[in-house]
């Protein structure tokens, strides 16, 4: 129930730099996929040094790419998992594992993605992805 309430909460008050239609569109998708609590905290912590980064990520990644009609969110999540695993980006992978589950990707489908990563990006990259997923699944199961 708390998770559903978090998704319906209003977006945080935004800095003037974030006052664009593109940012608001990206923020809505970003909150839906990654969770309002995480995203709102990231936005709230954006100081003068990080504000341009948060604006770019929210507008470009989420407002331009994730809102395109060519792929559904579930498929974008699968692609992100594969790319983040291949690039060995565990912090982003943890975040996008949770997002993929929010987008309807199953644990078995995640396993299949990471098996493909083993073949195409190398077993060490795949192993790290599997270990990261196990950590995330344990965290989710404990909650």
C-alpha atoms as a PDB file:
ATOM      1  CA  UNK A   1       0.000   0.000   0.000  1.00  0.00           C
ATOM      2  CA  UNK A   2       2.866   2.408   0.814  1.00  0.00           C
ATOM      3  CA  UNK A   3       4.358   1.715  -2.618  1.00  0.00           C
ATOM      4  CA  UNK A   4       1.118   2.698  -4.333  1.00  0.00           C
ATOM      5  CA  UNK A   5       0.885   5.840  -2.233  1.00  0.00           C
ATOM      6  CA  UNK A   6       4.453   6.779  -3.174  1.00  0.00           C
ATOM      7  CA  UNK A   7       3.599   6.552  -6.867  1.00  0.00           C
ATOM      8  CA  UNK A   8       0.669   8.929  -6.472  1.00  0.00           C
ATOM      9  CA  UNK A   9       2.498  11.558  -4.422  1.00  0.00           C
ATOM     10  CA  UNK A  10       2.995  14.909  -6.040  1.00  0.00           C
ATOM     11  CA  UNK A  11       6.423  15.616  -7.468  1.00  0.00           C
ATOM     12  CA  UNK A  12       8.685  17.692  -5.248  1.00  0.00           C
ATOM     13  CA  UNK A  13       8.909  21.443  -5.655  1.00  0.00           C
ATOM     14  CA  UNK A  14      11.333  21.982  -8.507  1.00  0.00           C
ATOM     15  CA  UNK A  15      14.198  24.397  -9.003  1.00  0.00           C
ATOM     16  CA  UNK A  16      13.685  26.994 -11.731  1.00  0.00           C
ATOM     17  CA  UNK A  17      16.186  25.085 -13.920  1.00  0.00           C
ATOM     18  CA  UNK A  18      13.758  22.155 -13.928  1.00  0.00           C
ATOM     19  CA  UNK A  19      10.743  24.184 -14.983  1.00  0.00           C
ATOM     20  CA  UNK A  20      10.303  22.751 -18.485  1.00  0.00           C
ATOM     21  CA  UNK A  21       7.682  20.497 -20.057  1.00  0.00           C
ATOM     22  CA  UNK A  22      10.417  18.063 -21.084  1.00  0.00           C
ATOM     23  CA  UNK A  23      11.696  17.824 -17.505  1.00  0.00           C
ATOM     24  CA  UNK A  24       8.195  17.266 -16.107  1.00  0.00           C
ATOM     25  CA  UNK A  25       7.514  14.513 -18.687  1.00  0.00           C
ATOM     26  CA  UNK A  26      10.821  12.835 -17.891  1.00  0.00           C
ATOM     27  CA  UNK A  27      10.274  13.173 -14.163  1.00  0.00           C
ATOM     28  CA  UNK A  28       6.907  11.421 -14.396  1.00  0.00           C
ATOM     29  CA  UNK A  29       8.427   8.428 -16.210  1.00  0.00           C
ATOM     30  CA  UNK A  30      11.515   8.361 -13.997  1.00  0.00           C
ATOM     31  CA  UNK A  31       9.352   8.334 -10.852  1.00  0.00           C
ATOM     32  CA  UNK A  32       7.091   5.581 -12.256  1.00  0.00           C
ATOM     33  CA  UNK A  33      10.005   3.311 -13.174  1.00  0.00           C
ATOM     34  CA  UNK A  34      12.529   3.933 -10.397  1.00  0.00           C
ATOM     35  CA  UNK A  35      10.197   4.917  -7.589  1.00  0.00           C
ATOM     36  CA  UNK A  36       9.171   8.340  -6.395  1.00  0.00           C
ATOM     37  CA  UNK A  37      11.135   8.165  -3.155  1.00  0.00           C
ATOM     38  CA  UNK A  38      14.479   7.517  -4.875  1.00  0.00           C
ATOM     39  CA  UNK A  39      13.913  10.032  -7.675  1.00  0.00           C
ATOM     40  CA  UNK A  40      12.575  12.771  -5.435  1.00  0.00           C
ATOM     41  CA  UNK A  41      15.601  12.401  -3.147  1.00  0.00           C
ATOM     42  CA  UNK A  42      17.956  12.641  -6.139  1.00  0.00           C
ATOM     43  CA  UNK A  43      16.225  15.769  -7.374  1.00  0.00           C
ATOM     44  CA  UNK A  44      16.108  17.337  -3.901  1.00  0.00           C
ATOM     45  CA  UNK A  45      19.853  16.738  -3.390  1.00  0.00           C
ATOM     46  CA  UNK A  46      20.752  18.448  -6.665  1.00  0.00           C
ATOM     47  CA  UNK A  47      23.013  21.287  -5.589  1.00  0.00           C
ATOM     48  CA  UNK A  48      24.473  23.894  -7.933  1.00  0.00           C
ATOM     49  CA  UNK A  49      27.126  21.393  -9.071  1.00  0.00           C
ATOM     50  CA  UNK A  50      24.671  18.541  -9.797  1.00  0.00           C
ATOM     51  CA  UNK A  51      21.688  20.498 -11.104  1.00  0.00           C
ATOM     52  CA  UNK A  52      22.788  20.352 -14.749  1.00  0.00           C
ATOM     53  CA  UNK A  53      23.381  16.594 -14.499  1.00  0.00           C
ATOM     54  CA  UNK A  54      19.926  15.963 -12.998  1.00  0.00           C
ATOM     55  CA  UNK A  55      18.360  18.166 -15.675  1.00  0.00           C
ATOM     56  CA  UNK A  56      20.179  16.332 -18.475  1.00  0.00           C
ATOM     57  CA  UNK A  57      19.344  12.863 -17.158  1.00  0.00           C
ATOM     58  CA  UNK A  58      15.702  13.670 -16.534  1.00  0.00           C
ATOM     59  CA  UNK A  59      15.106  15.509 -19.804  1.00  0.00           C
ATOM     60  CA  UNK A  60      17.256  13.467 -22.172  1.00  0.00           C
ATOM     61  CA  UNK A  61      17.185   9.926 -20.782  1.00  0.00           C
ATOM     62  CA  UNK A  62      13.700   9.930 -19.322  1.00  0.00           C
ATOM     63  CA  UNK A  63      11.950  12.780 -21.159  1.00  0.00           C
ATOM     64  CA  UNK A  64      13.261  12.015 -24.652  1.00  0.00           C
ATOM     65  CA  UNK A  65      14.264   8.353 -24.788  1.00  0.00           C
ATOM     66  CA  UNK A  66      11.936   6.670 -22.275  1.00  0.00           C
ATOM     67  CA  UNK A  67       8.894   8.543 -23.610  1.00  0.00           C
ATOM     68  CA  UNK A  68       9.477   7.529 -27.240  1.00  0.00           C
ATOM     69  CA  UNK A  69       6.760   5.270 -28.702  1.00  0.00           C
ATOM     70  CA  UNK A  70       9.137   2.722 -30.307  1.00  0.00           C
ATOM     71  CA  UNK A  71       9.527   0.438 -27.276  1.00  0.00           C
ATOM     72  CA  UNK A  72       7.448  -0.227 -24.194  1.00  0.00           C
ATOM     73  CA  UNK A  73       9.007   0.424 -20.782  1.00  0.00           C
ATOM     74  CA  UNK A  74       9.414  -3.286 -20.121  1.00  0.00           C
ATOM     75  CA  UNK A  75      11.592  -3.694 -23.220  1.00  0.00           C
ATOM     76  CA  UNK A  76      13.629  -0.603 -22.358  1.00  0.00           C
ATOM     77  CA  UNK A  77      14.258  -2.127 -18.952  1.00  0.00           C
ATOM     78  CA  UNK A  78      15.513  -5.368 -20.490  1.00  0.00           C
ATOM     79  CA  UNK A  79      17.894  -3.422 -22.724  1.00  0.00           C
ATOM     80  CA  UNK A  80      19.160  -1.346 -19.799  1.00  0.00           C
ATOM     81  CA  UNK A  81      19.843  -4.464 -17.742  1.00  0.00           C
ATOM     82  CA  UNK A  82      21.924  -5.963 -20.531  1.00  0.00           C
ATOM     83  CA  UNK A  83      23.875  -2.771 -21.197  1.00  0.00           C
ATOM     84  CA  UNK A  84      24.512  -1.945 -17.547  1.00  0.00           C
ATOM     85  CA  UNK A  85      25.641  -5.503 -16.885  1.00  0.00           C
ATOM     86  CA  UNK A  86      27.941  -5.503 -19.920  1.00  0.00           C
ATOM     87  CA  UNK A  87      29.405  -2.162 -18.850  1.00  0.00           C
ATOM     88  CA  UNK A  88      29.772  -3.408 -15.255  1.00  0.00           C
ATOM     89  CA  UNK A  89      27.855  -0.531 -13.679  1.00  0.00           C
ATOM     90  CA  UNK A  90      26.577  -2.181 -10.462  1.00  0.00           C
ATOM     91  CA  UNK A  91      25.075   0.913  -8.836  1.00  0.00           C
ATOM     92  CA  UNK A  92      22.912   1.727 -11.841  1.00  0.00           C
ATOM     93  CA  UNK A  93      22.216  -1.974 -12.354  1.00  0.00           C
ATOM     94  CA  UNK A  94      20.759  -2.223  -8.828  1.00  0.00           C
ATOM     95  CA  UNK A  95      18.498   0.707  -9.533  1.00  0.00           C
ATOM     96  CA  UNK A  96      17.389  -0.603 -12.921  1.00  0.00           C
ATOM     97  CA  UNK A  97      16.782  -4.111 -11.566  1.00  0.00           C
ATOM     98  CA  UNK A  98      14.154  -2.593  -9.290  1.00  0.00           C
ATOM     99  CA  UNK A  99      12.834  -0.539 -12.195  1.00  0.00           C
ATOM    100  CA  UNK A 100      12.623  -3.624 -14.409  1.00  0.00           C
ATOM    101  CA  UNK A 101      10.588  -5.437 -11.786  1.00  0.00           C
ATOM    102  CA  UNK A 102       8.316  -2.359 -11.571  1.00  0.00           C
ATOM    103  CA  UNK A 103       7.939  -2.600 -15.361  1.00  0.00           C
ATOM    104  CA  UNK A 104       6.793  -6.222 -15.234  1.00  0.00           C
ATOM    105  CA  UNK A 105      10.069  -8.016 -16.003  1.00  0.00           C
ATOM    106  CA  UNK A 106      10.269 -11.331 -14.154  1.00  0.00           C
ATOM    107  CA  UNK A 107      13.236 -12.728 -12.283  1.00  0.00           C
ATOM    108  CA  UNK A 108      13.437 -15.549 -14.810  1.00  0.00           C
ATOM    109  CA  UNK A 109      13.629 -13.027 -17.657  1.00  0.00           C
ATOM    110  CA  UNK A 110      16.380 -11.173 -15.800  1.00  0.00           C
ATOM    111  CA  UNK A 111      18.261 -14.454 -15.492  1.00  0.00           C
ATOM    112  CA  UNK A 112      17.974 -14.987 -19.262  1.00  0.00           C
ATOM    113  CA  UNK A 113      19.316 -11.487 -19.935  1.00  0.00           C
ATOM    114  CA  UNK A 114      22.313 -12.107 -17.687  1.00  0.00           C
ATOM    115  CA  UNK A 115      23.030 -15.489 -19.289  1.00  0.00           C
ATOM    116  CA  UNK A 116      23.176 -13.682 -22.642  1.00  0.00           C
ATOM    117  CA  UNK A 117      25.492 -11.095 -21.069  1.00  0.00           C
ATOM    118  CA  UNK A 118      27.822 -13.953 -20.093  1.00  0.00           C
ATOM    119  CA  UNK A 119      28.065 -15.023 -23.728  1.00  0.00           C
ATOM    120  CA  UNK A 120      28.308 -11.629 -25.408  1.00  0.00           C
ATOM    121  CA  UNK A 121      30.069  -9.494 -22.767  1.00  0.00           C
ATOM    122  CA  UNK A 122      31.985 -12.145 -20.856  1.00  0.00           C
ATOM    123  CA  UNK A 123      31.383 -14.431 -17.917  1.00  0.00           C
ATOM    124  CA  UNK A 124      32.900 -11.997 -15.372  1.00  0.00           C
ATOM    125  CA  UNK A 125      30.405  -9.297 -16.397  1.00  0.00           C
ATOM    126  CA  UNK A 126      27.557 -11.790 -16.242  1.00  0.00           C
ATOM    127  CA  UNK A 127      28.679 -13.123 -12.876  1.00  0.00           C
ATOM    128  CA  UNK A 128      28.785  -9.612 -11.412  1.00  0.00           C
ATOM    129  CA  UNK A 129      25.276  -9.001 -12.781  1.00  0.00           C
ATOM    130  CA  UNK A 130      23.984 -12.218 -11.212  1.00  0.00           C
ATOM    131  CA  UNK A 131      25.568 -11.282  -7.869  1.00  0.00           C
ATOM    132  CA  UNK A 132      24.043  -7.822  -8.032  1.00  0.00           C
ATOM    133  CA  UNK A 133      20.619  -9.278  -8.828  1.00  0.00           C
ATOM    134  CA  UNK A 134      20.830 -11.722  -5.922  1.00  0.00           C
ATOM    135  CA  UNK A 135      21.623  -8.809  -3.609  1.00  0.00           C
ATOM    136  CA  UNK A 136      18.675  -6.782  -4.916  1.00  0.00           C
ATOM    137  CA  UNK A 137      16.280  -9.744  -4.742  1.00  0.00           C
ATOM    138  CA  UNK A 138      17.287 -10.449  -1.126  1.00  0.00           C
ATOM    139  CA  UNK A 139      16.676  -6.797  -0.251  1.00  0.00           C
ATOM    140  CA  UNK A 140      13.249  -6.850  -1.920  1.00  0.00           C
ATOM    141  CA  UNK A 141      12.284 -10.171  -0.341  1.00  0.00           C
ATOM    142  CA  UNK A 142      13.269  -8.918   3.109  1.00  0.00           C
ATOM    143  CA  UNK A 143      11.112  -5.787   2.779  1.00  0.00           C
END
